[in-house]
């Protein structure tokens, strides 16, 4: 991911996950900050990132 335009679909997919209240992607570092109102399912986040056409690395 090289620009904010690329990050937008990933952010949108992550924010669709039940319980997620906010998501922010830092294009420079390639990291995401996800805020949820409960325990976050990493499998769901991985699926959302995949749906947007990218891969999650841990």
C-alpha atoms as a PDB file:
ATOM      1  CA  UNK A   1       0.000   0.000   0.000  1.00  0.00           C
ATOM      2  CA  UNK A   2       1.589   3.202  -1.123  1.00  0.00           C
ATOM      3  CA  UNK A   3      -0.995   5.953  -0.738  1.00  0.00           C
ATOM      4  CA  UNK A   4      -4.090   7.079   1.173  1.00  0.00           C
ATOM      5  CA  UNK A   5      -6.210   6.168  -1.838  1.00  0.00           C
ATOM      6  CA  UNK A   6      -5.011   2.558  -1.473  1.00  0.00           C
ATOM      7  CA  UNK A   7      -5.677   2.582   2.280  1.00  0.00           C
ATOM      8  CA  UNK A   8      -9.301   3.718   1.954  1.00  0.00           C
ATOM      9  CA  UNK A   9     -10.783   0.349   0.860  1.00  0.00           C
ATOM     10  CA  UNK A  10      -8.877  -1.464   3.599  1.00  0.00           C
ATOM     11  CA  UNK A  11     -10.101   1.006   6.215  1.00  0.00           C
ATOM     12  CA  UNK A  12     -13.682   0.640   4.972  1.00  0.00           C
ATOM     13  CA  UNK A  13     -13.554  -3.164   5.099  1.00  0.00           C
ATOM     14  CA  UNK A  14     -12.114  -3.180   8.618  1.00  0.00           C
ATOM     15  CA  UNK A  15     -14.716  -0.685   9.833  1.00  0.00           C
ATOM     16  CA  UNK A  16     -17.466  -3.051   8.613  1.00  0.00           C
ATOM     17  CA  UNK A  17     -16.415  -5.658  11.190  1.00  0.00           C
ATOM     18  CA  UNK A  18     -18.921  -5.976  14.005  1.00  0.00           C
ATOM     19  CA  UNK A  19     -17.697  -4.123  17.088  1.00  0.00           C
ATOM     20  CA  UNK A  20     -15.080  -2.011  15.300  1.00  0.00           C
ATOM     21  CA  UNK A  21     -15.584   1.643  16.165  1.00  0.00           C
ATOM     22  CA  UNK A  22     -12.635   3.100  14.224  1.00  0.00           C
ATOM     23  CA  UNK A  23      -9.723   2.100  12.019  1.00  0.00           C
ATOM     24  CA  UNK A  24      -6.721   4.099  10.858  1.00  0.00           C
ATOM     25  CA  UNK A  25      -4.020   2.944   8.479  1.00  0.00           C
ATOM     26  CA  UNK A  26      -0.561   4.454   8.415  1.00  0.00           C
ATOM     27  CA  UNK A  27       0.638   4.119   4.833  1.00  0.00           C
ATOM     28  CA  UNK A  28       4.257   4.927   5.699  1.00  0.00           C
ATOM     29  CA  UNK A  29       4.620   2.171   8.292  1.00  0.00           C
ATOM     30  CA  UNK A  30       2.076  -0.235   6.796  1.00  0.00           C
ATOM     31  CA  UNK A  31       0.369  -0.554  10.179  1.00  0.00           C
ATOM     32  CA  UNK A  32      -3.244  -0.337  11.175  1.00  0.00           C
ATOM     33  CA  UNK A  33      -4.773   0.831  14.427  1.00  0.00           C
ATOM     34  CA  UNK A  34      -8.171  -0.708  15.043  1.00  0.00           C
ATOM     35  CA  UNK A  35     -10.417   0.297  17.933  1.00  0.00           C
ATOM     36  CA  UNK A  36     -13.267  -1.980  18.955  1.00  0.00           C
ATOM     37  CA  UNK A  37     -15.804  -2.095  21.718  1.00  0.00           C
ATOM     38  CA  UNK A  38     -14.790  -5.654  22.634  1.00  0.00           C
ATOM     39  CA  UNK A  39     -12.388  -8.438  21.797  1.00  0.00           C
ATOM     40  CA  UNK A  40     -11.259  -8.104  18.204  1.00  0.00           C
ATOM     41  CA  UNK A  41     -11.299 -11.214  16.024  1.00  0.00           C
ATOM     42  CA  UNK A  42      -8.001 -11.211  14.119  1.00  0.00           C
ATOM     43  CA  UNK A  43      -9.459 -13.693  11.629  1.00  0.00           C
ATOM     44  CA  UNK A  44     -12.133 -11.138  10.758  1.00  0.00           C
ATOM     45  CA  UNK A  45      -9.542  -8.413  10.303  1.00  0.00           C
ATOM     46  CA  UNK A  46      -7.466 -10.693   8.073  1.00  0.00           C
ATOM     47  CA  UNK A  47     -10.546 -11.489   5.961  1.00  0.00           C
ATOM     48  CA  UNK A  48     -11.389  -7.775   5.641  1.00  0.00           C
ATOM     49  CA  UNK A  49      -7.867  -6.924   4.510  1.00  0.00           C
ATOM     50  CA  UNK A  50      -7.934  -9.838   2.043  1.00  0.00           C
ATOM     51  CA  UNK A  51     -11.321  -8.645   0.717  1.00  0.00           C
ATOM     52  CA  UNK A  52      -9.757  -5.256   0.003  1.00  0.00           C
ATOM     53  CA  UNK A  53      -7.025  -6.959  -2.028  1.00  0.00           C
ATOM     54  CA  UNK A  54      -4.163  -6.849   0.451  1.00  0.00           C
ATOM     55  CA  UNK A  55      -2.537  -9.271   2.893  1.00  0.00           C
ATOM     56  CA  UNK A  56      -2.208  -8.937   6.647  1.00  0.00           C
ATOM     57  CA  UNK A  57       1.190  -9.699   8.118  1.00  0.00           C
ATOM     58  CA  UNK A  58       1.615 -10.293  11.829  1.00  0.00           C
END
